[in-house]
Amino acid sequence: MALRQDPEKLDYPAGSDTKASSDYDKTYLQHHEDSGPGYDPIIDRYSEDEVKRIIRRVDLRLIPLCGLMYCVSLLDRTNLSNAAIAGRSQEDSLTKELNLRTKNPDRYSVITLVFFLTYVLFQPPTTILTRFFGPRIWLATITLLWGVTMIGFGFVQDWTALVGLRLLLGVLESGFFPGVVYLLSTWYRRCCLDEVGKRYSIFYLIGSLASAFGGILAFGLMQMEGIQGYGGWRWIFIIEGCLTCLVAFLGYIFLVSFPDNQKSRSIRFLSAEERQLIVARVNQDRGDADLEAFTIRRWLGGATDWKIWAYGLCFGCATTVSYALAYFLPIILNLGLKFDTGTSQCLIAPPYAFAAIVMVATGWYGDKYRQRGLCVAFNAVLCIIGLAVMGWAYGDTRARYFGVFLATAGANANVPCVLTYQANNIRGQWKRAFCSATLVGMGALGGIVGSTVFRSEDTPTYVPGLSVAMGSQVLILIVVGVLTVTFKSNNKKADMGAKILEDSPTFRWSFVLAVKSADPPINDPASVALDCSTNASVPLVFLDEALNF
């Protein structure tokens, strides 16, 4: 895209006087003031390559560290499944030592689900606290505290103590994911290069390494059994808790604040003008980069938009399967598919590695063709096929393990897809903050369902649990269909001037169908903003950016 020039850099015609020059400047500035909401002339002072270099510096400070912190977050909330089967024999495992396999109630299921009770309860105010304390202090502090809590897991003597620690872990981890999602949405645009969508995917991809290699790490830590008289499952909790504390210190040192917080030292790796550019770009995209004054009414106003709850429902259905696999896959491989303990822990990695490939592929496709809903639907169908194979390929261990690949890929790849789906269709700082908390809260409800559907009495086929999981994916398909019809209808009305979407005349919903549009006039920022808000196809280089991290 050709650059527009700043009036101070223009060569005025020979013989022009000061008044003429001043009139030219006023005409230029007036043109841009009238050309679209959120426009800031500072955007014109940087070439495309200069903007890319600035964004890359933001990427290097923000994405890898957030991904690493999310990695330990997932590791700490899901390592219970690896600890449950860890030990040289079944007698040495957590399950046997704490007598978890009682059927009324199933104590293992109780321990897994109580985490989500406090995780959901403390979700709503966390985005406000992230704003109040700042991401660096807030996210690093809660990470340190849940790391200490995780170390305490290694010293429990009774299953009820484990319940209490899981409740505390839910309180502490509730502030992390919505805080990071909110933080990323304030640094990146949703349009043109769809920056926020790619960053969600890369962030989640890094975090998924915990699921891919958590089993292998647990298998290695299990070999410490007997040291200081502790069982292998205890060392899994202790060492992984220590790693979390280390990551928390890294977060406190290197994590950045919000771009509009010009007083924060954490963002001084950018100049004042570069920080202004970041805010201006996001504001041009959504018209909401400048923080509005907080009021309870403004924050809760998002609750009246039914689409926010639809996004949350999709996210909850996706996490139903992803959490179910995270908490029960080692057990399913061990008791259902009859692999030994070490093999079961190591066989977790390949399906999650495949999920990473699907995640990148669907992210790239969605970015290039602007087909958000289609990617969500594709992943749901993939998950349904995988779950069916897992449950009904009786007597064929290889086929059932292949089903694990498909189910794991579909469920986990849908997490960043749904995040991007909602991020592209939410406008307003506090509405987005409410949506972030609500989305992850609904995801936690999916975790409650996922932590209870696979019962020990359903071994080895787990048909009831698999049926519930498949039903959740069918629900995703229904919700995406309803949203697509609604978005298409509203966009058509907005194009005809009969309706204004999200209080902005240029805003358009992103849905399944890609709309090919002509390039906007170079000197018309309003047209550029409109193009960014629609589903115009813009080729992207998702893999290149991912590899450069």
Protein backbone atom coordinates (compact mmCIF):
# COMPACT_ATOMS: atom_id res chain seq x y z
CA MET A 1 0.00 0.00 0.00
CA ALA A 2 1.40 3.39 -0.95
CA LEU A 3 2.19 5.75 1.90
CA ARG A 4 0.42 9.03 2.47
CA GLN A 5 2.69 11.94 3.25
CA ASP A 6 2.79 14.09 6.34
CA PRO A 7 2.16 17.79 5.57
CA GLU A 8 5.49 18.72 7.18
CA LYS A 9 7.32 16.59 4.59
CA LEU A 10 5.50 17.91 1.52
CA ASP A 11 7.26 20.07 -1.07
CA TYR A 12 5.04 23.08 -1.62
CA PRO A 13 4.83 24.66 -5.09
CA ALA A 14 7.44 27.31 -5.89
CA GLY A 15 6.30 30.82 -5.00
CA SER A 16 3.71 29.64 -2.52
CA ASP A 17 3.31 31.87 0.52
CA THR A 18 2.88 30.94 4.16
CA LYS A 19 -0.89 31.36 4.04
CA ALA A 20 -1.14 29.06 1.05
CA SER A 21 1.03 26.48 2.82
CA SER A 22 -1.08 26.79 5.95
CA ASP A 23 -4.26 26.38 3.95
CA TYR A 24 -2.79 23.28 2.31
CA ASP A 25 -1.96 21.80 5.73
CA LYS A 26 -5.45 22.52 7.03
CA THR A 27 -7.02 20.95 3.97
CA TYR A 28 -4.80 17.86 4.35
CA LEU A 29 -5.53 17.44 8.04
CA GLN A 30 -9.24 18.09 7.60
CA HIS A 31 -9.33 15.38 4.90
CA HIS A 32 -7.94 12.83 7.32
CA GLU A 33 -10.08 13.95 10.21
CA ASP A 34 -13.12 13.36 8.04
CA SER A 35 -11.83 10.20 6.43
CA GLY A 36 -12.67 7.71 9.12
CA PRO A 37 -12.94 7.01 12.85
CA GLY A 38 -9.76 6.15 14.70
CA TYR A 39 -7.42 7.58 12.06
CA ASP A 40 -4.13 9.09 13.30
CA PRO A 41 -1.65 10.83 10.93
CA ILE A 42 1.25 9.18 12.78
CA ILE A 43 0.48 6.01 10.83
CA ASP A 44 1.69 7.73 7.65
CA ARG A 45 5.13 8.48 9.06
CA TYR A 46 6.20 4.83 8.93
CA SER A 47 6.74 2.61 5.94
CA GLU A 48 5.37 -0.92 5.86
CA ASP A 49 8.84 -2.38 6.53
CA GLU A 50 9.35 -0.07 9.51
CA VAL A 51 6.01 -1.11 11.00
CA LYS A 52 6.90 -4.77 10.54
CA ARG A 53 10.18 -4.26 12.38
CA ILE A 54 8.39 -2.57 15.28
CA ILE A 55 5.78 -5.33 15.48
CA ARG A 56 8.53 -7.95 15.38
CA ARG A 57 10.17 -6.33 18.42
CA VAL A 58 6.83 -6.45 20.22
CA ASP A 59 6.46 -10.11 19.19
CA LEU A 60 9.82 -11.07 20.63
CA ARG A 61 9.04 -9.44 23.97
CA LEU A 62 5.45 -10.61 24.28
CA ILE A 63 4.60 -13.86 22.49
CA PRO A 64 7.36 -16.32 23.57
CA LEU A 65 7.10 -15.32 27.24
CA CYS A 66 3.30 -15.43 27.31
CA GLY A 67 3.47 -18.83 25.59
CA LEU A 68 6.00 -20.10 28.14
CA MET A 69 3.85 -18.92 31.04
CA TYR A 70 0.81 -20.56 29.47
CA CYS A 71 2.90 -23.70 29.01
CA VAL A 72 3.49 -24.04 32.76
CA SER A 73 -0.14 -23.09 33.41
CA LEU A 74 -1.39 -26.03 31.33
CA LEU A 75 1.30 -28.31 32.73
CA ASP A 76 0.34 -27.57 36.34
CA ARG A 77 -3.39 -27.93 35.90
CA THR A 78 -3.20 -31.19 33.91
CA ASN A 79 -0.19 -33.04 35.39
CA LEU A 80 -2.59 -34.87 37.69
CA SER A 81 -3.26 -37.43 34.96
CA ASN A 82 0.42 -38.31 34.63
CA ALA A 83 0.87 -38.45 38.40
CA ALA A 84 -2.16 -40.75 38.65
CA ILE A 85 -0.39 -43.58 36.84
CA ALA A 86 3.22 -42.74 37.84
CA GLY A 87 5.16 -45.35 39.80
CA ARG A 88 7.16 -48.50 39.33
CA SER A 89 3.97 -50.40 40.10
CA GLN A 90 0.30 -49.60 40.59
CA GLU A 91 0.92 -49.79 44.36
CA ASP A 92 3.30 -46.79 44.14
CA SER A 93 0.99 -44.51 42.14
CA LEU A 94 -0.90 -41.50 43.45
CA THR A 95 -4.16 -43.29 42.70
CA LYS A 96 -3.31 -46.20 44.97
CA GLU A 97 -1.47 -44.27 47.70
CA LEU A 98 -4.32 -41.78 48.23
CA ASN A 99 -7.06 -44.34 47.43
CA LEU A 100 -8.62 -42.33 44.59
CA ARG A 101 -10.38 -45.11 42.71
CA THR A 102 -13.53 -45.31 44.79
CA LYS A 103 -16.72 -45.22 42.70
CA ASN A 104 -19.02 -43.31 45.08
CA PRO A 105 -17.72 -40.74 44.51
CA ASP A 106 -14.89 -41.20 42.02
CA ARG A 107 -12.30 -39.24 43.98
CA TYR A 108 -10.09 -38.65 40.97
CA SER A 109 -12.97 -36.95 39.12
CA VAL A 110 -13.76 -34.87 42.22
CA ILE A 111 -10.15 -33.66 42.43
CA THR A 112 -10.07 -32.73 38.76
CA LEU A 113 -13.39 -30.87 38.68
CA VAL A 114 -13.01 -28.78 41.87
CA PHE A 115 -10.28 -26.81 40.12
CA PHE A 116 -12.87 -25.42 37.73
CA LEU A 117 -15.28 -24.33 40.46
CA THR A 118 -12.96 -21.58 41.70
CA TYR A 119 -11.52 -21.10 38.21
CA VAL A 120 -14.98 -20.07 36.94
CA LEU A 121 -16.00 -18.15 40.08
CA PHE A 122 -12.96 -15.88 40.05
CA GLN A 123 -12.82 -15.35 36.26
CA PRO A 124 -15.01 -12.22 35.79
CA PRO A 125 -12.95 -9.64 37.73
CA THR A 126 -9.56 -10.82 36.52
CA THR A 127 -9.37 -8.61 33.42
CA ILE A 128 -10.11 -5.60 35.63
CA LEU A 129 -7.31 -6.64 38.01
CA THR A 130 -4.97 -7.07 35.04
CA ARG A 131 -5.71 -3.46 34.11
CA PHE A 132 -5.43 -2.21 37.68
CA PHE A 133 -2.12 -3.85 38.66
CA GLY A 134 -0.64 -4.12 35.17
CA PRO A 135 0.13 -7.37 33.31
CA ARG A 136 3.73 -7.69 34.52
CA ILE A 137 2.97 -7.53 38.24
CA TRP A 138 -0.39 -9.31 38.14
CA LEU A 139 0.49 -12.23 35.85
CA ALA A 140 3.94 -12.82 37.37
CA THR A 141 2.59 -12.76 40.93
CA ILE A 142 -0.20 -15.27 40.39
CA THR A 143 2.19 -17.52 38.44
CA LEU A 144 4.62 -17.52 41.38
CA LEU A 145 1.85 -18.28 43.86
CA TRP A 146 0.43 -21.21 41.91
CA GLY A 147 3.99 -22.54 41.48
CA VAL A 148 4.35 -22.62 45.27
CA THR A 149 0.93 -24.28 45.48
CA MET A 150 2.04 -26.92 43.00
CA ILE A 151 5.09 -27.72 45.14
CA GLY A 152 2.67 -28.32 48.01
CA PHE A 153 0.95 -31.01 45.94
CA GLY A 154 4.04 -33.16 46.40
CA PHE A 155 3.65 -33.28 50.19
CA VAL A 156 -0.04 -34.17 50.62
CA GLN A 157 -0.92 -37.18 52.75
CA ASP A 158 -4.66 -37.32 52.13
CA TRP A 159 -6.88 -36.88 49.10
CA THR A 160 -8.89 -34.13 50.80
CA ALA A 161 -5.73 -32.00 51.04
CA LEU A 162 -5.39 -32.44 47.29
CA VAL A 163 -8.94 -31.13 46.87
CA GLY A 164 -8.09 -28.00 48.86
CA LEU A 165 -4.93 -27.34 46.86
CA ARG A 166 -6.79 -27.80 43.58
CA LEU A 167 -9.36 -25.23 44.71
CA LEU A 168 -6.55 -22.77 45.49
CA LEU A 169 -4.89 -23.54 42.17
CA GLY A 170 -8.15 -22.64 40.41
CA VAL A 171 -8.26 -19.26 42.16
CA LEU A 172 -4.71 -18.40 41.13
CA GLU A 173 -4.85 -19.66 37.56
CA SER A 174 -8.20 -17.96 36.88
CA GLY A 175 -6.44 -14.65 36.35
CA PHE A 176 -3.90 -15.80 33.82
CA PHE A 177 -5.54 -16.84 30.56
CA PRO A 178 -8.15 -14.05 30.26
CA GLY A 179 -5.46 -11.55 31.25
CA VAL A 180 -3.12 -12.69 28.50
CA VAL A 181 -5.90 -12.84 25.88
CA TYR A 182 -6.89 -9.31 26.81
CA LEU A 183 -3.26 -8.11 26.75
CA LEU A 184 -2.64 -9.50 23.26
CA SER A 185 -5.83 -7.94 21.90
CA THR A 186 -4.57 -4.47 22.92
CA TRP A 187 -1.27 -4.77 21.04
CA TYR A 188 -2.36 -6.19 17.68
CA ARG A 189 -4.85 -5.39 14.95
CA ARG A 190 -7.46 -7.89 13.86
CA CYS A 191 -7.42 -6.82 10.19
CA CYS A 192 -5.16 -6.61 7.13
CA LEU A 193 -2.50 -9.06 8.39
CA ASP A 194 -4.88 -10.29 11.08
CA GLU A 195 -2.11 -9.85 13.62
CA VAL A 196 -4.10 -10.86 16.67
CA GLY A 197 -5.27 -14.14 15.13
CA LYS A 198 -1.76 -15.27 14.32
CA ARG A 199 -0.50 -14.30 17.74
CA TYR A 200 -3.27 -16.21 19.48
CA SER A 201 -2.32 -19.27 17.46
CA ILE A 202 1.42 -18.97 18.11
CA PHE A 203 0.82 -18.25 21.81
CA TYR A 204 -1.41 -21.30 22.14
CA LEU A 205 0.97 -23.37 20.03
CA ILE A 206 3.82 -22.67 22.44
CA GLY A 207 1.52 -23.48 25.35
CA SER A 208 0.50 -26.76 23.76
CA LEU A 209 4.08 -27.97 24.12
CA ALA A 210 3.13 -28.65 27.74
CA SER A 211 0.55 -31.17 26.62
CA ALA A 212 2.85 -32.66 24.00
CA PHE A 213 5.84 -33.19 26.26
CA GLY A 214 4.22 -33.18 29.69
CA GLY A 215 3.96 -36.97 29.61
CA ILE A 216 7.59 -37.41 28.62
CA LEU A 217 8.68 -34.98 31.35
CA ALA A 218 6.54 -36.84 33.88
CA PHE A 219 8.09 -40.15 32.81
CA GLY A 220 11.55 -38.71 33.43
CA LEU A 221 10.64 -37.22 36.82
CA MET A 222 9.00 -40.50 37.81
CA GLN A 223 12.47 -42.05 37.79
CA MET A 224 13.29 -39.99 40.90
CA GLU A 225 11.08 -42.35 42.90
CA GLY A 226 12.66 -43.23 46.25
CA ILE A 227 14.83 -40.10 46.52
CA GLN A 228 14.32 -38.66 50.03
CA GLY A 229 11.71 -41.36 50.47
CA TYR A 230 9.24 -39.70 48.09
CA GLY A 231 7.30 -41.48 45.38
CA GLY A 232 7.76 -40.60 41.72
CA TRP A 233 4.36 -38.87 41.54
CA ARG A 234 5.41 -36.48 44.31
CA TRP A 235 8.54 -35.44 42.42
CA ILE A 236 6.40 -34.65 39.37
CA PHE A 237 4.54 -32.01 41.36
CA ILE A 238 7.60 -30.67 43.23
CA ILE A 239 9.90 -30.21 40.23
CA GLU A 240 7.22 -28.83 37.93
CA GLY A 241 6.22 -26.38 40.68
CA CYS A 242 9.82 -25.18 40.91
CA LEU A 243 9.91 -24.67 37.13
CA THR A 244 6.74 -22.56 37.38
CA CYS A 245 8.34 -20.32 40.02
CA LEU A 246 11.33 -19.79 37.72
CA VAL A 247 9.07 -18.82 34.82
CA ALA A 248 7.22 -16.38 37.13
CA PHE A 249 10.47 -14.51 37.82
CA LEU A 250 11.16 -14.31 34.08
CA GLY A 251 7.66 -12.89 33.60
CA TYR A 252 8.23 -10.22 36.25
CA ILE A 253 11.43 -9.11 34.53
CA PHE A 254 10.48 -9.24 30.85
CA LEU A 255 6.67 -9.10 30.46
CA VAL A 256 5.29 -5.88 28.92
CA SER A 257 2.36 -3.69 29.94
CA PHE A 258 -0.50 -2.31 27.83
CA PRO A 259 0.57 -0.08 24.93
CA ASP A 260 -1.51 2.87 26.16
CA ASN A 261 0.29 2.84 29.53
CA GLN A 262 2.96 5.30 28.43
CA LYS A 263 4.43 5.58 31.95
CA SER A 264 5.32 1.89 32.23
CA ARG A 265 9.03 1.09 32.01
CA SER A 266 8.26 -2.34 30.59
CA ILE A 267 7.34 -0.87 27.18
CA ARG A 268 10.30 1.49 26.87
CA PHE A 269 11.96 -0.86 24.43
CA LEU A 270 9.83 1.20 22.03
CA SER A 271 10.17 4.95 21.63
CA ALA A 272 7.29 7.22 22.65
CA GLU A 273 6.36 7.70 18.99
CA GLU A 274 6.49 3.96 18.30
CA ARG A 275 4.17 3.33 21.25
CA GLN A 276 1.84 5.98 19.86
CA LEU A 277 1.94 4.19 16.51
CA ILE A 278 0.89 0.89 18.12
CA VAL A 279 -2.10 2.54 19.78
CA ALA A 280 -3.02 4.40 16.58
CA ARG A 281 -2.97 1.21 14.48
CA VAL A 282 -5.28 -0.66 16.88
CA ASN A 283 -7.51 2.39 17.17
CA GLN A 284 -7.77 2.67 13.37
CA ASP A 285 -8.68 -1.00 13.24
CA ARG A 286 -11.36 -1.06 15.94
CA GLY A 287 -11.63 2.55 17.12
CA ASP A 288 -11.18 1.43 20.73
CA ALA A 289 -7.47 1.40 21.53
CA ASP A 290 -7.79 4.44 23.78
CA LEU A 291 -9.01 3.27 27.16
CA GLU A 292 -12.49 4.33 28.19
CA ALA A 293 -13.16 5.17 31.81
CA PHE A 294 -14.26 2.07 33.70
CA THR A 295 -17.78 1.72 35.00
CA ILE A 296 -19.57 -1.44 36.12
CA ARG A 297 -22.39 -0.64 33.73
CA ARG A 298 -20.02 -0.32 30.77
CA TRP A 299 -18.23 -3.56 31.65
CA LEU A 300 -21.41 -5.55 32.26
CA GLY A 301 -23.00 -4.09 29.14
CA GLY A 302 -21.38 -6.87 27.15
CA ALA A 303 -23.65 -9.37 28.90
CA THR A 304 -26.62 -8.09 26.88
CA ASP A 305 -25.02 -9.20 23.59
CA TRP A 306 -26.12 -12.80 22.93
CA LYS A 307 -23.21 -13.33 20.53
CA ILE A 308 -20.74 -13.13 23.42
CA TRP A 309 -22.47 -16.11 25.02
CA ALA A 310 -22.46 -17.92 21.66
CA TYR A 311 -18.67 -17.51 21.43
CA GLY A 312 -18.40 -18.74 25.01
CA LEU A 313 -20.55 -21.77 24.23
CA CYS A 314 -18.27 -22.68 21.30
CA PHE A 315 -15.21 -22.29 23.51
CA GLY A 316 -16.77 -24.37 26.29
CA CYS A 317 -17.60 -27.17 23.86
CA ALA A 318 -14.03 -27.13 22.53
CA THR A 319 -12.53 -27.30 26.02
CA THR A 320 -14.88 -30.11 27.03
CA VAL A 321 -12.89 -32.43 24.79
CA SER A 322 -9.47 -30.81 25.22
CA TYR A 323 -9.66 -31.01 29.04
CA ALA A 324 -11.14 -34.51 28.98
CA LEU A 325 -8.17 -35.70 26.93
CA ALA A 326 -5.71 -33.77 29.10
CA TYR A 327 -6.98 -35.39 32.32
CA PHE A 328 -7.80 -38.86 31.06
CA LEU A 329 -5.71 -39.64 27.98
CA PRO A 330 -2.83 -41.27 29.94
CA ILE A 331 -5.41 -43.31 31.86
CA ILE A 332 -7.28 -44.26 28.67
CA LEU A 333 -4.03 -45.36 27.03
CA ASN A 334 -3.04 -47.29 30.16
CA LEU A 335 -6.34 -48.93 31.16
CA GLY A 336 -8.32 -48.73 27.93
CA LEU A 337 -5.73 -49.48 25.26
CA LYS A 338 -3.60 -51.58 27.65
CA PHE A 339 -0.26 -49.82 27.20
CA ASP A 340 2.16 -49.91 30.15
CA THR A 341 2.74 -46.79 32.28
CA GLY A 342 5.89 -45.52 30.55
CA THR A 343 4.50 -46.14 27.08
CA SER A 344 1.21 -44.45 27.96
CA GLN A 345 3.00 -41.31 29.13
CA CYS A 346 5.24 -41.13 26.07
CA LEU A 347 2.43 -41.84 23.57
CA ILE A 348 0.75 -38.60 24.62
CA ALA A 349 3.28 -36.53 22.65
CA PRO A 350 2.56 -37.58 19.01
CA PRO A 351 -1.17 -36.65 19.01
CA TYR A 352 -0.39 -33.22 20.45
CA ALA A 353 2.39 -32.70 17.92
CA PHE A 354 -0.13 -33.48 15.18
CA ALA A 355 -2.55 -31.04 16.84
CA ALA A 356 0.10 -28.33 16.53
CA ILE A 357 0.33 -28.97 12.78
CA VAL A 358 -3.45 -28.75 12.37
CA MET A 359 -3.46 -25.61 14.52
CA VAL A 360 -0.94 -23.87 12.26
CA ALA A 361 -2.65 -25.07 9.09
CA THR A 362 -6.13 -23.89 10.08
CA GLY A 363 -4.69 -20.61 11.37
CA TRP A 364 -2.93 -20.00 8.07
CA TYR A 365 -6.03 -20.90 6.04
CA GLY A 366 -8.29 -18.73 8.17
CA ASP A 367 -5.92 -15.77 7.89
CA LYS A 368 -5.49 -16.08 4.13
CA TYR A 369 -9.13 -16.58 3.17
CA ARG A 370 -10.83 -14.88 6.15
CA GLN A 371 -12.93 -17.96 6.86
CA ARG A 372 -13.14 -18.05 10.63
CA GLY A 373 -16.32 -20.03 11.10
CA LEU A 374 -15.31 -22.59 8.50
CA CYS A 375 -12.11 -23.39 10.39
CA VAL A 376 -14.07 -23.81 13.64
CA ALA A 377 -16.53 -26.13 11.89
CA PHE A 378 -13.74 -28.16 10.25
CA ASN A 379 -12.00 -28.77 13.56
CA ALA A 380 -15.28 -29.83 15.16
CA VAL A 381 -15.92 -32.39 12.39
CA LEU A 382 -12.33 -33.69 12.72
CA CYS A 383 -12.87 -34.14 16.45
CA ILE A 384 -16.17 -35.98 15.94
CA ILE A 385 -14.52 -38.47 13.56
CA GLY A 386 -11.65 -39.06 15.98
CA LEU A 387 -13.94 -39.62 18.97
CA ALA A 388 -16.05 -42.08 16.96
CA VAL A 389 -12.99 -44.10 16.02
CA MET A 390 -11.73 -44.08 19.62
CA GLY A 391 -15.01 -45.45 20.93
CA TRP A 392 -16.24 -47.82 18.27
CA ALA A 393 -13.15 -49.37 16.66
CA TYR A 394 -13.46 -52.35 18.98
CA GLY A 395 -10.44 -54.65 19.28
CA ASP A 396 -8.20 -52.52 17.05
CA THR A 397 -5.71 -50.68 19.26
CA ARG A 398 -3.95 -49.00 16.33
CA ALA A 399 -7.20 -47.62 14.93
CA ARG A 400 -8.27 -46.33 18.33
CA TYR A 401 -4.91 -44.63 18.82
CA PHE A 402 -5.31 -43.04 15.37
CA GLY A 403 -8.66 -41.71 16.59
CA VAL A 404 -6.79 -40.07 19.48
CA PHE A 405 -4.78 -38.10 16.89
CA LEU A 406 -7.89 -36.74 15.18
CA ALA A 407 -9.79 -35.95 18.39
CA THR A 408 -6.81 -34.24 20.00
CA ALA A 409 -6.08 -32.18 16.88
CA GLY A 410 -9.68 -31.07 16.36
CA ALA A 411 -10.30 -30.08 19.99
CA ASN A 412 -7.02 -28.26 20.59
CA ALA A 413 -6.84 -26.51 17.21
CA ASN A 414 -10.28 -25.06 17.85
CA VAL A 415 -9.13 -23.14 20.92
CA PRO A 416 -7.18 -20.42 19.01
CA CYS A 417 -9.75 -20.60 16.19
CA VAL A 418 -12.61 -19.69 18.53
CA LEU A 419 -10.48 -17.04 20.22
CA THR A 420 -9.83 -15.39 16.86
CA TYR A 421 -13.47 -15.80 15.85
CA GLN A 422 -14.62 -13.74 18.83
CA ALA A 423 -11.72 -11.27 18.74
CA ASN A 424 -12.59 -10.35 15.14
CA ASN A 425 -16.18 -9.61 16.10
CA ILE A 426 -15.86 -7.65 19.36
CA ARG A 427 -15.42 -3.89 19.54
CA GLY A 428 -14.87 -1.80 22.68
CA GLN A 429 -12.19 -2.14 25.38
CA TRP A 430 -14.43 -3.09 28.30
CA LYS A 431 -16.76 -5.18 26.17
CA ARG A 432 -13.72 -7.10 24.98
CA ALA A 433 -12.53 -7.41 28.58
CA PHE A 434 -15.91 -8.84 29.61
CA CYS A 435 -15.89 -11.18 26.61
CA SER A 436 -12.39 -12.43 27.45
CA ALA A 437 -13.43 -13.31 31.00
CA THR A 438 -16.74 -14.81 29.89
CA LEU A 439 -15.13 -16.83 27.12
CA VAL A 440 -12.58 -18.44 29.39
CA GLY A 441 -15.18 -18.88 32.13
CA MET A 442 -17.35 -20.85 29.73
CA GLY A 443 -14.25 -22.77 28.75
CA ALA A 444 -13.78 -23.68 32.38
CA LEU A 445 -17.35 -24.98 32.51
CA GLY A 446 -16.36 -27.20 29.61
CA GLY A 447 -13.50 -28.36 31.81
CA ILE A 448 -15.96 -29.35 34.54
CA VAL A 449 -17.87 -31.49 32.06
CA GLY A 450 -14.67 -32.90 30.57
CA SER A 451 -13.30 -33.85 33.98
CA THR A 452 -16.29 -36.02 34.83
CA VAL A 453 -17.36 -37.75 31.60
CA PHE A 454 -14.74 -40.53 31.55
CA ARG A 455 -15.63 -42.79 34.44
CA SER A 456 -13.59 -45.74 35.64
CA GLU A 457 -16.59 -48.09 35.30
CA ASP A 458 -16.73 -47.34 31.54
CA THR A 459 -13.32 -48.92 30.90
CA PRO A 460 -12.14 -49.92 28.30
CA THR A 461 -14.40 -48.29 25.66
CA TYR A 462 -15.55 -45.15 27.55
CA VAL A 463 -18.59 -44.93 25.23
CA PRO A 464 -20.73 -42.63 27.49
CA GLY A 465 -17.93 -40.08 27.82
CA LEU A 466 -17.12 -40.18 24.12
CA SER A 467 -20.80 -39.69 23.27
CA VAL A 468 -21.00 -36.54 25.43
CA ALA A 469 -17.81 -35.23 23.81
CA MET A 470 -19.20 -35.83 20.31
CA GLY A 471 -22.42 -34.04 21.24
CA SER A 472 -20.44 -30.97 22.30
CA GLN A 473 -18.84 -30.79 18.86
CA VAL A 474 -22.22 -31.08 17.13
CA LEU A 475 -23.35 -28.11 19.24
CA ILE A 476 -20.39 -26.09 17.91
CA LEU A 477 -21.55 -26.76 14.35
CA ILE A 478 -25.07 -25.55 15.20
CA VAL A 479 -23.85 -22.33 16.88
CA VAL A 480 -21.47 -21.47 14.03
CA GLY A 481 -24.31 -21.97 11.55
CA VAL A 482 -26.60 -19.58 13.47
CA LEU A 483 -23.83 -16.96 13.80
CA THR A 484 -23.01 -17.20 10.09
CA VAL A 485 -26.59 -16.55 9.03
CA THR A 486 -26.87 -13.65 11.48
CA PHE A 487 -23.56 -12.05 10.43
CA LYS A 488 -24.32 -12.34 6.73
CA SER A 489 -27.74 -10.74 7.17
CA ASN A 490 -26.44 -7.88 9.34
CA ASN A 491 -23.49 -7.16 7.04
CA LYS A 492 -25.86 -6.84 4.09
CA LYS A 493 -28.03 -4.38 6.02
CA ALA A 494 -24.95 -2.37 7.04
CA ASP A 495 -23.73 -2.23 3.43
CA MET A 496 -27.07 -0.76 2.41
CA GLY A 497 -26.89 1.81 5.23
CA ALA A 498 -29.88 0.33 7.03
CA LYS A 499 -27.94 -0.67 10.15
CA ILE A 500 -24.85 0.36 12.10
CA LEU A 501 -22.87 -2.49 13.67
CA GLU A 502 -21.09 -2.12 17.02
CA ASP A 503 -21.58 1.69 16.96
CA SER A 504 -19.27 2.01 13.96
CA PRO A 505 -20.31 2.65 10.32
CA THR A 506 -17.24 0.78 9.06
CA PHE A 507 -17.48 -2.33 11.23
CA ARG A 508 -18.44 -5.65 9.61
CA TRP A 509 -18.75 -9.13 11.11
CA SER A 510 -16.19 -11.77 10.20
CA PHE A 511 -17.92 -15.04 9.36
CA VAL A 512 -17.59 -18.15 7.17
CA LEU A 513 -17.80 -16.78 3.66
CA ALA A 514 -14.85 -14.82 2.27
CA VAL A 515 -15.77 -11.67 0.40
CA LYS A 516 -13.42 -10.65 -2.37
CA SER A 517 -13.27 -6.88 -2.59
CA ALA A 518 -11.40 -4.38 -4.70
CA ASP A 519 -8.40 -2.57 -3.25
CA PRO A 520 -9.49 0.66 -1.54
CA PRO A 521 -8.33 4.06 -2.82
CA ILE A 522 -4.82 4.74 -1.55
CA ASN A 523 -5.60 8.13 -0.02
CA ASP A 524 -8.85 7.14 1.65
CA PRO A 525 -8.28 5.81 5.18
CA ALA A 526 -12.00 5.25 5.61
CA SER A 527 -11.94 2.78 2.74
CA VAL A 528 -8.90 1.12 4.25
CA ALA A 529 -10.70 0.78 7.60
CA LEU A 530 -13.74 -0.67 5.86
CA ASP A 531 -11.62 -3.20 3.99
CA CYS A 532 -9.95 -4.25 7.22
CA SER A 533 -13.30 -4.83 8.88
CA THR A 534 -14.69 -7.06 6.13
CA ASN A 535 -13.53 -10.47 5.02
CA ALA A 536 -11.37 -9.37 2.11
CA SER A 537 -8.80 -11.99 1.18
CA VAL A 538 -5.26 -10.92 2.08
CA PRO A 539 -2.38 -13.41 1.58
CA LEU A 540 -0.38 -13.99 4.78
CA VAL A 541 2.87 -15.68 5.71
CA PHE A 542 1.80 -17.37 8.95
CA LEU A 543 4.48 -20.06 8.93
CA ASP A 544 7.29 -17.59 8.30
CA GLU A 545 6.27 -15.50 11.28
CA ALA A 546 5.89 -18.57 13.48
CA LEU A 547 9.33 -19.88 12.56
CA ASN A 548 10.96 -16.51 13.14
CA PHE A 549 10.06 -16.67 16.83
